[in-house]
Full PDB file with SEQRES, HELIX, SHEET, SSBOND, CRYST1, ORIGX, SCALE, CONECT and MASTER records, all heavy atoms in Angstrom:
SEQRES   1 A   38  LEU ARG ASP HIS ASP ILE PRO TYR ALA ARG GLN MET GLU          
SEQRES   2 A   38  THR TYR LEU ARG ASN ILE GLU TYR SER ALA SER GLN ALA          
SEQRES   3 A   38  LYS SER LEU GLY LEU THR ILE VAL LEU GLU ALA ILE              
HELIX    1 AA1 TYR A    8  LYS A   27  1                                  20    
CRYST1    1.000    1.000    1.000  90.00  90.00  90.00 P 1           1          
ORIGX1      1.000000  0.000000  0.000000        0.00000                         
ORIGX2      0.000000  1.000000  0.000000        0.00000                         
ORIGX3      0.000000  0.000000  1.000000        0.00000                         
SCALE1      1.000000  0.000000  0.000000        0.00000                         
SCALE2      0.000000  1.000000  0.000000        0.00000                         
SCALE3      0.000000  0.000000  1.000000        0.00000                         
ATOM      1  N   LEU A   1     146.245  87.867 110.225  1.00  0.00           N  
ATOM      2  CA  LEU A   1     146.949  88.523 111.316  1.00  0.00           C  
ATOM      3  C   LEU A   1     148.458  88.513 111.105  1.00  0.00           C  
ATOM      4  O   LEU A   1     149.005  87.623 110.460  1.00  0.00           O  
ATOM      5  CB  LEU A   1     146.613  87.828 112.645  1.00  0.00           C  
ATOM      6  CG  LEU A   1     145.125  87.755 113.017  1.00  0.00           C  
ATOM      7  CD1 LEU A   1     144.955  87.027 114.333  1.00  0.00           C  
ATOM      8  CD2 LEU A   1     144.506  89.144 113.076  1.00  0.00           C  
ATOM      9  N   ARG A   2     149.106  89.489 111.658  1.00  0.00           N  
ATOM     10  CA  ARG A   2     150.573  89.538 111.654  1.00  0.00           C  
ATOM     11  C   ARG A   2     151.103  88.442 112.577  1.00  0.00           C  
ATOM     12  O   ARG A   2     150.696  88.317 113.726  1.00  0.00           O  
ATOM     13  CB  ARG A   2     151.041  90.910 112.157  1.00  0.00           C  
ATOM     14  CG  ARG A   2     152.543  91.025 112.364  1.00  0.00           C  
ATOM     15  CD  ARG A   2     153.281  91.215 111.059  1.00  0.00           C  
ATOM     16  NE  ARG A   2     154.707  91.385 111.301  1.00  0.00           N  
ATOM     17  CZ  ARG A   2     155.621  90.423 111.157  1.00  0.00           C  
ATOM     18  NH1 ARG A   2     155.260  89.202 110.751  1.00  0.00           N  
ATOM     19  NH2 ARG A   2     156.885  90.669 111.392  1.00  0.00           N  
ATOM     20  N   ASP A   3     152.013  87.615 112.065  1.00  0.00           N  
ATOM     21  CA  ASP A   3     152.668  86.564 112.835  1.00  0.00           C  
ATOM     22  C   ASP A   3     154.101  87.025 113.114  1.00  0.00           C  
ATOM     23  O   ASP A   3     154.935  87.053 112.203  1.00  0.00           O  
ATOM     24  CB  ASP A   3     152.655  85.253 112.050  1.00  0.00           C  
ATOM     25  CG  ASP A   3     153.204  84.081 112.854  1.00  0.00           C  
ATOM     26  OD1 ASP A   3     153.922  84.311 113.849  1.00  0.00           O  
ATOM     27  OD2 ASP A   3     152.919  82.922 112.476  1.00  0.00           O  
ATOM     28  N   HIS A   4     154.377  87.375 114.369  1.00  0.00           N  
ATOM     29  CA  HIS A   4     155.692  87.936 114.694  1.00  0.00           C  
ATOM     30  C   HIS A   4     156.797  86.890 114.731  1.00  0.00           C  
ATOM     31  O   HIS A   4     157.964  87.239 114.911  1.00  0.00           O  
ATOM     32  CB  HIS A   4     155.609  88.701 116.014  1.00  0.00           C  
ATOM     33  CG  HIS A   4     154.774  89.942 115.920  1.00  0.00           C  
ATOM     34  ND1 HIS A   4     155.241  91.104 115.345  1.00  0.00           N  
ATOM     35  CD2 HIS A   4     153.478  90.184 116.280  1.00  0.00           C  
ATOM     36  CE1 HIS A   4     154.294  92.026 115.375  1.00  0.00           C  
ATOM     37  NE2 HIS A   4     153.206  91.488 115.936  1.00  0.00           N  
ATOM     38  N   ASP A   5     156.451  85.628 114.534  1.00  0.00           N  
ATOM     39  CA  ASP A   5     157.462  84.588 114.380  1.00  0.00           C  
ATOM     40  C   ASP A   5     157.933  84.466 112.931  1.00  0.00           C  
ATOM     41  O   ASP A   5     158.854  83.700 112.629  1.00  0.00           O  
ATOM     42  CB  ASP A   5     156.931  83.231 114.848  1.00  0.00           C  
ATOM     43  CG  ASP A   5     156.686  83.190 116.347  1.00  0.00           C  
ATOM     44  OD1 ASP A   5     157.451  83.854 117.075  1.00  0.00           O  
ATOM     45  OD2 ASP A   5     155.745  82.505 116.783  1.00  0.00           O  
ATOM     46  N   ILE A   6     157.292  85.204 112.049  1.00  0.00           N  
ATOM     47  CA  ILE A   6     157.625  85.200 110.619  1.00  0.00           C  
ATOM     48  C   ILE A   6     158.076  86.598 110.227  1.00  0.00           C  
ATOM     49  O   ILE A   6     157.428  87.579 110.590  1.00  0.00           O  
ATOM     50  CB  ILE A   6     156.406  84.770 109.783  1.00  0.00           C  
ATOM     51  CG1 ILE A   6     155.960  83.361 110.158  1.00  0.00           C  
ATOM     52  CG2 ILE A   6     156.710  84.854 108.287  1.00  0.00           C  
ATOM     53  CD1 ILE A   6     154.662  82.930 109.497  1.00  0.00           C  
ATOM     54  N   PRO A   7     159.149  86.738 109.481  1.00  0.00           N  
ATOM     55  CA  PRO A   7     159.561  88.080 109.030  1.00  0.00           C  
ATOM     56  C   PRO A   7     158.441  88.779 108.267  1.00  0.00           C  
ATOM     57  O   PRO A   7     157.733  88.160 107.462  1.00  0.00           O  
ATOM     58  CB  PRO A   7     160.754  87.787 108.126  1.00  0.00           C  
ATOM     59  CG  PRO A   7     161.297  86.488 108.596  1.00  0.00           C  
ATOM     60  CD  PRO A   7     160.100  85.692 109.031  1.00  0.00           C  
ATOM     61  N   TYR A   8     158.314  90.068 108.538  1.00  0.00           N  
ATOM     62  CA  TYR A   8     157.265  90.846 107.871  1.00  0.00           C  
ATOM     63  C   TYR A   8     157.380  90.723 106.357  1.00  0.00           C  
ATOM     64  O   TYR A   8     156.366  90.565 105.655  1.00  0.00           O  
ATOM     65  CB  TYR A   8     157.371  92.317 108.290  1.00  0.00           C  
ATOM     66  CG  TYR A   8     156.390  93.214 107.569  1.00  0.00           C  
ATOM     67  CD1 TYR A   8     155.089  93.361 108.039  1.00  0.00           C  
ATOM     68  CD2 TYR A   8     156.777  93.889 106.406  1.00  0.00           C  
ATOM     69  CE1 TYR A   8     154.186  94.171 107.366  1.00  0.00           C  
ATOM     70  CE2 TYR A   8     155.876  94.703 105.734  1.00  0.00           C  
ATOM     71  CZ  TYR A   8     154.583  94.838 106.206  1.00  0.00           C  
ATOM     72  OH  TYR A   8     153.688  95.638 105.539  1.00  0.00           O  
ATOM     73  N   ALA A   9     158.597  90.783 105.840  1.00  0.00           N  
ATOM     74  CA  ALA A   9     158.794  90.739 104.395  1.00  0.00           C  
ATOM     75  C   ALA A   9     158.255  89.439 103.794  1.00  0.00           C  
ATOM     76  O   ALA A   9     157.710  89.434 102.676  1.00  0.00           O  
ATOM     77  CB  ALA A   9     160.269  90.898 104.049  1.00  0.00           C  
ATOM     78  N   ARG A  10     158.375  88.338 104.534  1.00  0.00           N  
ATOM     79  CA  ARG A  10     157.867  87.072 104.014  1.00  0.00           C  
ATOM     80  C   ARG A  10     156.342  87.077 103.998  1.00  0.00           C  
ATOM     81  O   ARG A  10     155.721  86.585 103.043  1.00  0.00           O  
ATOM     82  CB  ARG A  10     158.384  85.905 104.860  1.00  0.00           C  
ATOM     83  CG  ARG A  10     157.993  84.547 104.275  1.00  0.00           C  
ATOM     84  CD  ARG A  10     158.507  83.393 105.111  1.00  0.00           C  
ATOM     85  NE  ARG A  10     157.980  82.130 104.607  1.00  0.00           N  
ATOM     86  CZ  ARG A  10     157.815  81.032 105.339  1.00  0.00           C  
ATOM     87  NH1 ARG A  10     158.157  81.047 106.631  1.00  0.00           N  
ATOM     88  NH2 ARG A  10     157.330  79.929 104.803  1.00  0.00           N  
ATOM     89  N   GLN A  11     155.741  87.624 105.040  1.00  0.00           N  
ATOM     90  CA  GLN A  11     154.284  87.713 105.032  1.00  0.00           C  
ATOM     91  C   GLN A  11     153.796  88.612 103.896  1.00  0.00           C  
ATOM     92  O   GLN A  11     152.828  88.285 103.205  1.00  0.00           O  
ATOM     93  CB  GLN A  11     153.761  88.246 106.370  1.00  0.00           C  
ATOM     94  CG  GLN A  11     153.681  87.188 107.452  1.00  0.00           C  
ATOM     95  CD  GLN A  11     152.717  87.571 108.573  1.00  0.00           C  
ATOM     96  OE1 GLN A  11     153.145  88.075 109.593  1.00  0.00           O  
ATOM     97  NE2 GLN A  11     151.431  87.306 108.369  1.00  0.00           N  
ATOM     98  N   MET A  12     154.481  89.725 103.677  1.00  0.00           N  
ATOM     99  CA  MET A  12     154.074  90.622 102.601  1.00  0.00           C  
ATOM    100  C   MET A  12     154.238  89.965 101.238  1.00  0.00           C  
ATOM    101  O   MET A  12     153.377  90.100 100.354  1.00  0.00           O  
ATOM    102  CB  MET A  12     154.873  91.921 102.671  1.00  0.00           C  
ATOM    103  CG  MET A  12     154.544  92.914 101.558  1.00  0.00           C  
ATOM    104  SD  MET A  12     152.777  93.354 101.445  1.00  0.00           S  
ATOM    105  CE  MET A  12     152.631  94.467 102.843  1.00  0.00           C  
ATOM    106  N   GLU A  13     155.308  89.235 101.057  1.00  0.00           N  
ATOM    107  CA  GLU A  13     155.518  88.527  99.792  1.00  0.00           C  
ATOM    108  C   GLU A  13     154.379  87.522  99.549  1.00  0.00           C  
ATOM    109  O   GLU A  13     153.862  87.402  98.434  1.00  0.00           O  
ATOM    110  CB  GLU A  13     156.857  87.808  99.802  1.00  0.00           C  
ATOM    111  CG  GLU A  13     157.169  87.041  98.528  1.00  0.00           C  
ATOM    112  CD  GLU A  13     158.468  86.259  98.603  1.00  0.00           C  
ATOM    113  OE1 GLU A  13     159.150  86.323  99.646  1.00  0.00           O  
ATOM    114  OE2 GLU A  13     158.788  85.570  97.621  1.00  0.00           O  
ATOM    115  N   THR A  14     154.003  86.801 100.603  1.00  0.00           N  
ATOM    116  CA  THR A  14     152.904  85.846 100.494  1.00  0.00           C  
ATOM    117  C   THR A  14     151.596  86.565 100.169  1.00  0.00           C  
ATOM    118  O   THR A  14     150.807  86.115  99.310  1.00  0.00           O  
ATOM    119  CB  THR A  14     152.755  85.058 101.808  1.00  0.00           C  
ATOM    120  OG1 THR A  14     153.972  84.374 102.091  1.00  0.00           O  
ATOM    121  CG2 THR A  14     151.624  84.052 101.719  1.00  0.00           C  
ATOM    122  N   TYR A  15     151.362  87.672 100.833  1.00  0.00           N  
ATOM    123  CA  TYR A  15     150.158  88.474 100.606  1.00  0.00           C  
ATOM    124  C   TYR A  15     150.069  88.915  99.151  1.00  0.00           C  
ATOM    125  O   TYR A  15     149.033  88.750  98.488  1.00  0.00           O  
ATOM    126  CB  TYR A  15     150.196  89.670 101.550  1.00  0.00           C  
ATOM    127  CG  TYR A  15     148.955  90.530 101.579  1.00  0.00           C  
ATOM    128  CD1 TYR A  15     147.674  89.984 101.561  1.00  0.00           C  
ATOM    129  CD2 TYR A  15     149.070  91.918 101.665  1.00  0.00           C  
ATOM    130  CE1 TYR A  15     146.554  90.795 101.624  1.00  0.00           C  
ATOM    131  CE2 TYR A  15     147.942  92.730 101.727  1.00  0.00           C  
ATOM    132  CZ  TYR A  15     146.694  92.162 101.693  1.00  0.00           C  
ATOM    133  OH  TYR A  15     145.579  92.971 101.753  1.00  0.00           O  
ATOM    134  N   LEU A  16     151.157  89.452  98.631  1.00  0.00           N  
ATOM    135  CA  LEU A  16     151.166  89.927  97.246  1.00  0.00           C  
ATOM    136  C   LEU A  16     150.884  88.791  96.266  1.00  0.00           C  
ATOM    137  O   LEU A  16     150.092  88.939  95.328  1.00  0.00           O  
ATOM    138  CB  LEU A  16     152.507  90.584  96.930  1.00  0.00           C  
ATOM    139  CG  LEU A  16     152.782  91.916  97.633  1.00  0.00           C  
ATOM    140  CD1 LEU A  16     154.232  92.325  97.444  1.00  0.00           C  
ATOM    141  CD2 LEU A  16     151.845  93.002  97.121  1.00  0.00           C  
ATOM    142  N   ARG A  17     151.524  87.650  96.480  1.00  0.00           N  
ATOM    143  CA  ARG A  17     151.324  86.516  95.574  1.00  0.00           C  
ATOM    144  C   ARG A  17     149.869  86.047  95.614  1.00  0.00           C  
ATOM    145  O   ARG A  17     149.277  85.733  94.566  1.00  0.00           O  
ATOM    146  CB  ARG A  17     152.243  85.350  95.942  1.00  0.00           C  
ATOM    147  CG  ARG A  17     153.673  85.487  95.474  1.00  0.00           C  
ATOM    148  CD  ARG A  17     154.355  84.113  95.405  1.00  0.00           C  
ATOM    149  NE  ARG A  17     154.123  83.321  96.606  1.00  0.00           N  
ATOM    150  CZ  ARG A  17     154.913  83.315  97.675  1.00  0.00           C  
ATOM    151  NH1 ARG A  17     156.008  84.067  97.685  1.00  0.00           N  
ATOM    152  NH2 ARG A  17     154.636  82.562  98.725  1.00  0.00           N  
ATOM    153  N   ASN A  18     149.309  85.973  96.809  1.00  0.00           N  
ATOM    154  CA  ASN A  18     147.940  85.477  96.936  1.00  0.00           C  
ATOM    155  C   ASN A  18     146.913  86.447  96.368  1.00  0.00           C  
ATOM    156  O   ASN A  18     145.922  86.030  95.750  1.00  0.00           O  
ATOM    157  CB  ASN A  18     147.624  85.153  98.396  1.00  0.00           C  
ATOM    158  CG  ASN A  18     148.197  83.817  98.837  1.00  0.00           C  
ATOM    159  OD1 ASN A  18     148.370  82.908  98.035  1.00  0.00           O  
ATOM    160  ND2 ASN A  18     148.500  83.695 100.122  1.00  0.00           N  
ATOM    161  N   ILE A  19     147.129  87.735  96.551  1.00  0.00           N  
ATOM    162  CA  ILE A  19     146.205  88.702  95.973  1.00  0.00           C  
ATOM    163  C   ILE A  19     146.337  88.702  94.452  1.00  0.00           C  
ATOM    164  O   ILE A  19     145.329  88.798  93.724  1.00  0.00           O  
ATOM    165  CB  ILE A  19     146.442  90.105  96.557  1.00  0.00           C  
ATOM    166  CG1 ILE A  19     146.165  90.105  98.068  1.00  0.00           C  
ATOM    167  CG2 ILE A  19     145.543  91.127  95.859  1.00  0.00           C  
ATOM    168  CD1 ILE A  19     144.803  89.612  98.473  1.00  0.00           C  
ATOM    169  N   GLU A  20     147.542  88.577  93.964  1.00  0.00           N  
ATOM    170  CA  GLU A  20     147.737  88.474  92.506  1.00  0.00           C  
ATOM    171  C   GLU A  20     147.004  87.254  91.948  1.00  0.00           C  
ATOM    172  O   GLU A  20     146.357  87.328  90.897  1.00  0.00           O  
ATOM    173  CB  GLU A  20     149.229  88.400  92.195  1.00  0.00           C  
ATOM    174  CG  GLU A  20     149.555  88.466  90.715  1.00  0.00           C  
ATOM    175  CD  GLU A  20     151.050  88.525  90.484  1.00  0.00           C  
ATOM    176  OE1 GLU A  20     151.803  87.853  91.209  1.00  0.00           O  
ATOM    177  OE2 GLU A  20     151.459  89.256  89.564  1.00  0.00           O  
ATOM    178  N   TYR A  21     147.095  86.123  92.654  1.00  0.00           N  
ATOM    179  CA  TYR A  21     146.377  84.925  92.248  1.00  0.00           C  
ATOM    180  C   TYR A  21     144.870  85.188  92.248  1.00  0.00           C  
ATOM    181  O   TYR A  21     144.166  84.824  91.289  1.00  0.00           O  
ATOM    182  CB  TYR A  21     146.717  83.767  93.192  1.00  0.00           C  
ATOM    183  CG  TYR A  21     145.872  82.532  92.955  1.00  0.00           C  
ATOM    184  CD1 TYR A  21     146.229  81.613  91.973  1.00  0.00           C  
ATOM    185  CD2 TYR A  21     144.712  82.299  93.695  1.00  0.00           C  
ATOM    186  CE1 TYR A  21     145.432  80.483  91.736  1.00  0.00           C  
ATOM    187  CE2 TYR A  21     143.923  81.183  93.460  1.00  0.00           C  
ATOM    188  CZ  TYR A  21     144.298  80.279  92.479  1.00  0.00           C  
ATOM    189  OH  TYR A  21     143.520  79.177  92.234  1.00  0.00           O  
ATOM    190  N   SER A  22     144.358  85.794  93.308  1.00  0.00           N  
ATOM    191  CA  SER A  22     142.928  86.076  93.407  1.00  0.00           C  
ATOM    192  C   SER A  22     142.458  86.921  92.239  1.00  0.00           C  
ATOM    193  O   SER A  22     141.413  86.652  91.627  1.00  0.00           O  
ATOM    194  CB  SER A  22     142.620  86.810  94.714  1.00  0.00           C  
ATOM    195  OG  SER A  22     143.070  86.089  95.830  1.00  0.00           O  
ATOM    196  N   ALA A  23     143.235  87.954  91.936  1.00  0.00           N  
ATOM    197  CA  ALA A  23     142.850  88.866  90.849  1.00  0.00           C  
ATOM    198  C   ALA A  23     142.828  88.140  89.506  1.00  0.00           C  
ATOM    199  O   ALA A  23     141.931  88.357  88.683  1.00  0.00           O  
ATOM    200  CB  ALA A  23     143.810  90.050  90.798  1.00  0.00           C  
ATOM    201  N   SER A  24     143.804  87.275  89.278  1.00  0.00           N  
ATOM    202  CA  SER A  24     143.857  86.555  87.999  1.00  0.00           C  
ATOM    203  C   SER A  24     142.674  85.604  87.874  1.00  0.00           C  
ATOM    204  O   SER A  24     142.097  85.452  86.789  1.00  0.00           O  
ATOM    205  CB  SER A  24     145.176  85.794  87.874  1.00  0.00           C  
ATOM    206  OG  SER A  24     145.255  84.731  88.821  1.00  0.00           O  
ATOM    207  N   GLN A  25     142.284  84.957  88.974  1.00  0.00           N  
ATOM    208  CA  GLN A  25     141.155  84.038  88.939  1.00  0.00           C  
ATOM    209  C   GLN A  25     139.822  84.777  88.793  1.00  0.00           C  
ATOM    210  O   GLN A  25     138.886  84.269  88.179  1.00  0.00           O  
ATOM    211  CB  GLN A  25     141.136  83.199  90.220  1.00  0.00           C  
ATOM    212  CG  GLN A  25     142.340  82.276  90.390  1.00  0.00           C  
ATOM    213  CD  GLN A  25     142.428  81.252  89.271  1.00  0.00           C  
ATOM    214  OE1 GLN A  25     141.514  80.466  89.069  1.00  0.00           O  
ATOM    215  NE2 GLN A  25     143.540  81.269  88.548  1.00  0.00           N  
ATOM    216  N   ALA A  26     139.738  85.978  89.358  1.00  0.00           N  
ATOM    217  CA  ALA A  26     138.485  86.732  89.371  1.00  0.00           C  
ATOM    218  C   ALA A  26     138.245  87.496  88.081  1.00  0.00           C  
ATOM    219  O   ALA A  26     137.095  87.856  87.765  1.00  0.00           O  
ATOM    220  CB  ALA A  26     138.487  87.716  90.546  1.00  0.00           C  
ATOM    221  N   LYS A  27     139.286  87.737  87.307  1.00  0.00           N  
ATOM    222  CA  LYS A  27     139.184  88.648  86.168  1.00  0.00           C  
ATOM    223  C   LYS A  27     138.168  88.180  85.134  1.00  0.00           C  
ATOM    224  O   LYS A  27     137.398  88.981  84.602  1.00  0.00           O  
ATOM    225  CB  LYS A  27     140.549  88.827  85.516  1.00  0.00           C  
ATOM    226  CG  LYS A  27     140.609  89.985  84.539  1.00  0.00           C  
ATOM    227  CD  LYS A  27     142.018  90.284  84.121  1.00  0.00           C  
ATOM    228  CE  LYS A  27     142.077  91.486  83.193  1.00  0.00           C  
ATOM    229  NZ  LYS A  27     141.601  92.718  83.852  1.00  0.00           N  
ATOM    230  N   SER A  28     138.128  86.889  84.859  1.00  0.00           N  
ATOM    231  CA  SER A  28     137.219  86.392  83.823  1.00  0.00           C  
ATOM    232  C   SER A  28     135.759  86.569  84.214  1.00  0.00           C  
ATOM    233  O   SER A  28     134.869  86.557  83.350  1.00  0.00           O  
ATOM    234  CB  SER A  28     137.510  84.921  83.527  1.00  0.00           C  
ATOM    235  OG  SER A  28     137.242  84.115  84.661  1.00  0.00           O  
ATOM    236  N   LEU A  29     135.497  86.738  85.509  1.00  0.00           N  
ATOM    237  CA  LEU A  29     134.121  86.959  85.990  1.00  0.00           C  
ATOM    238  C   LEU A  29     133.771  88.442  86.062  1.00  0.00           C  
ATOM    239  O   LEU A  29     132.665  88.801  86.465  1.00  0.00           O  
ATOM    240  CB  LEU A  29     133.941  86.333  87.383  1.00  0.00           C  
ATOM    241  CG  LEU A  29     134.131  84.827  87.506  1.00  0.00           C  
ATOM    242  CD1 LEU A  29     133.907  84.388  88.945  1.00  0.00           C  
ATOM    243  CD2 LEU A  29     133.203  84.087  86.569  1.00  0.00           C  
ATOM    244  N   GLY A  30     134.730  89.301  85.694  1.00  0.00           N  
ATOM    245  CA  GLY A  30     134.504  90.729  85.836  1.00  0.00           C  
ATOM    246  C   GLY A  30     134.458  91.173  87.280  1.00  0.00           C  
ATOM    247  O   GLY A  30     133.797  92.165  87.631  1.00  0.00           O  
ATOM    248  N   LEU A  31     135.164  90.448  88.127  1.00  0.00           N  
ATOM    249  CA  LEU A  31     135.101  90.650  89.576  1.00  0.00           C  
ATOM    250  C   LEU A  31     136.339  91.401  90.053  1.00  0.00           C  
ATOM    251  O   LEU A  31     137.464  91.074  89.671  1.00  0.00           O  
ATOM    252  CB  LEU A  31     135.014  89.290  90.257  1.00  0.00           C  
ATOM    253  CG  LEU A  31     134.767  89.212  91.759  1.00  0.00           C  
ATOM    254  CD1 LEU A  31     133.413  89.818  92.101  1.00  0.00           C  
ATOM    255  CD2 LEU A  31     134.820  87.749  92.207  1.00  0.00           C  
ATOM    256  N   THR A  32     136.126  92.396  90.905  1.00  0.00           N  
ATOM    257  CA  THR A  32     137.213  93.170  91.484  1.00  0.00           C  
ATOM    258  C   THR A  32     137.516  92.682  92.890  1.00  0.00           C  
ATOM    259  O   THR A  32     136.604  92.519  93.713  1.00  0.00           O  
ATOM    260  CB  THR A  32     136.848  94.669  91.527  1.00  0.00           C  
ATOM    261  OG1 THR A  32     136.722  95.154  90.181  1.00  0.00           O  
ATOM    262  CG2 THR A  32     137.925  95.486  92.235  1.00  0.00           C  
ATOM    263  N   ILE A  33     138.783  92.443  93.174  1.00  0.00           N  
ATOM    264  CA  ILE A  33     139.250  92.099  94.508  1.00  0.00           C  
ATOM    265  C   ILE A  33     139.483  93.386  95.283  1.00  0.00           C  
ATOM    266  O   ILE A  33     140.181  94.288  94.801  1.00  0.00           O  
ATOM    267  CB  ILE A  33     140.555  91.276  94.441  1.00  0.00           C  
ATOM    268  CG1 ILE A  33     140.361  89.993  93.628  1.00  0.00           C  
ATOM    269  CG2 ILE A  33     141.069  90.969  95.848  1.00  0.00           C  
ATOM    270  CD1 ILE A  33     139.344  89.035  94.183  1.00  0.00           C  
ATOM    271  N   VAL A  34     138.910  93.484  96.460  1.00  0.00           N  
ATOM    272  CA  VAL A  34     139.114  94.673  97.290  1.00  0.00           C  
ATOM    273  C   VAL A  34     139.821  94.305  98.583  1.00  0.00           C  
ATOM    274  O   VAL A  34     139.595  93.232  99.152  1.00  0.00           O  
ATOM    275  CB  VAL A  34     137.793  95.443  97.559  1.00  0.00           C  
ATOM    276  CG1 VAL A  34     137.303  96.119  96.286  1.00  0.00           C  
ATOM    277  CG2 VAL A  34     136.725  94.531  98.128  1.00  0.00           C  
ATOM    278  N   LEU A  35     140.681  95.225  99.025  1.00  0.00           N  
ATOM    279  CA  LEU A  35     141.536  95.012 100.192  1.00  0.00           C  
ATOM    280  C   LEU A  35     141.243  96.095 101.219  1.00  0.00           C  
ATOM    281  O   LEU A  35     141.190  97.279 100.882  1.00  0.00           O  
ATOM    282  CB  LEU A  35     143.005  95.067  99.776  1.00  0.00           C  
ATOM    283  CG  LEU A  35     143.394  94.228  98.561  1.00  0.00           C  
ATOM    284  CD1 LEU A  35     144.862  94.464  98.205  1.00  0.00           C  
ATOM    285  CD2 LEU A  35     143.138  92.754  98.801  1.00  0.00           C  
ATOM    286  N   GLU A  36     141.105  95.696 102.472  1.00  0.00           N  
ATOM    287  CA  GLU A  36     140.678  96.621 103.514  1.00  0.00           C  
ATOM    288  C   GLU A  36     141.729  96.754 104.606  1.00  0.00           C  
ATOM    289  O   GLU A  36     142.271  95.755 105.093  1.00  0.00           O  
ATOM    290  CB  GLU A  36     139.377  96.127 104.139  1.00  0.00           C  
ATOM    291  CG  GLU A  36     138.794  97.033 105.208  1.00  0.00           C  
ATOM    292  CD  GLU A  36     137.499  96.490 105.791  1.00  0.00           C  
ATOM    293  OE1 GLU A  36     137.349  95.257 105.855  1.00  0.00           O  
ATOM    294  OE2 GLU A  36     136.649  97.293 106.187  1.00  0.00           O  
ATOM    295  N   ALA A  37     141.990  97.998 104.990  1.00  0.00           N  
ATOM    296  CA  ALA A  37     142.783  98.283 106.183  1.00  0.00           C  
ATOM    297  C   ALA A  37     141.842  98.313 107.382  1.00  0.00           C  
ATOM    298  O   ALA A  37     140.834  99.018 107.359  1.00  0.00           O  
ATOM    299  CB  ALA A  37     143.495  99.622 106.035  1.00  0.00           C  
ATOM    300  N   ILE A  38     142.148  97.536 108.416  1.00  0.00           N  
ATOM    301  CA  ILE A  38     141.260  97.383 109.570  1.00  0.00           C  
ATOM    302  C   ILE A  38     141.941  97.924 110.825  1.00  0.00           C  
ATOM    303  O   ILE A  38     143.132  97.696 111.044  1.00  0.00           O  
ATOM    304  CB  ILE A  38     140.871  95.907 109.749  1.00  0.00           C  
ATOM    305  CG1 ILE A  38     140.133  95.416 108.507  1.00  0.00           C  
ATOM    306  CG2 ILE A  38     140.013  95.707 110.995  1.00  0.00           C  
ATOM    307  CD1 ILE A  38     139.701  93.965 108.544  1.00  0.00           C  
TER     308      ILE A  38                                                      
MASTER        0    0    0    1    0    0    0    6  307    1    0    3          
END                                                                             
């Protein structure tokens, strides 16, 4: 969820880093990380 006590840019930076981490960990399994707009 969006936390309005935290700057949007900081949340987005965290999101990008975490998804990048997920993708790097999943790659050796041939696994694709998918992201959903809700």
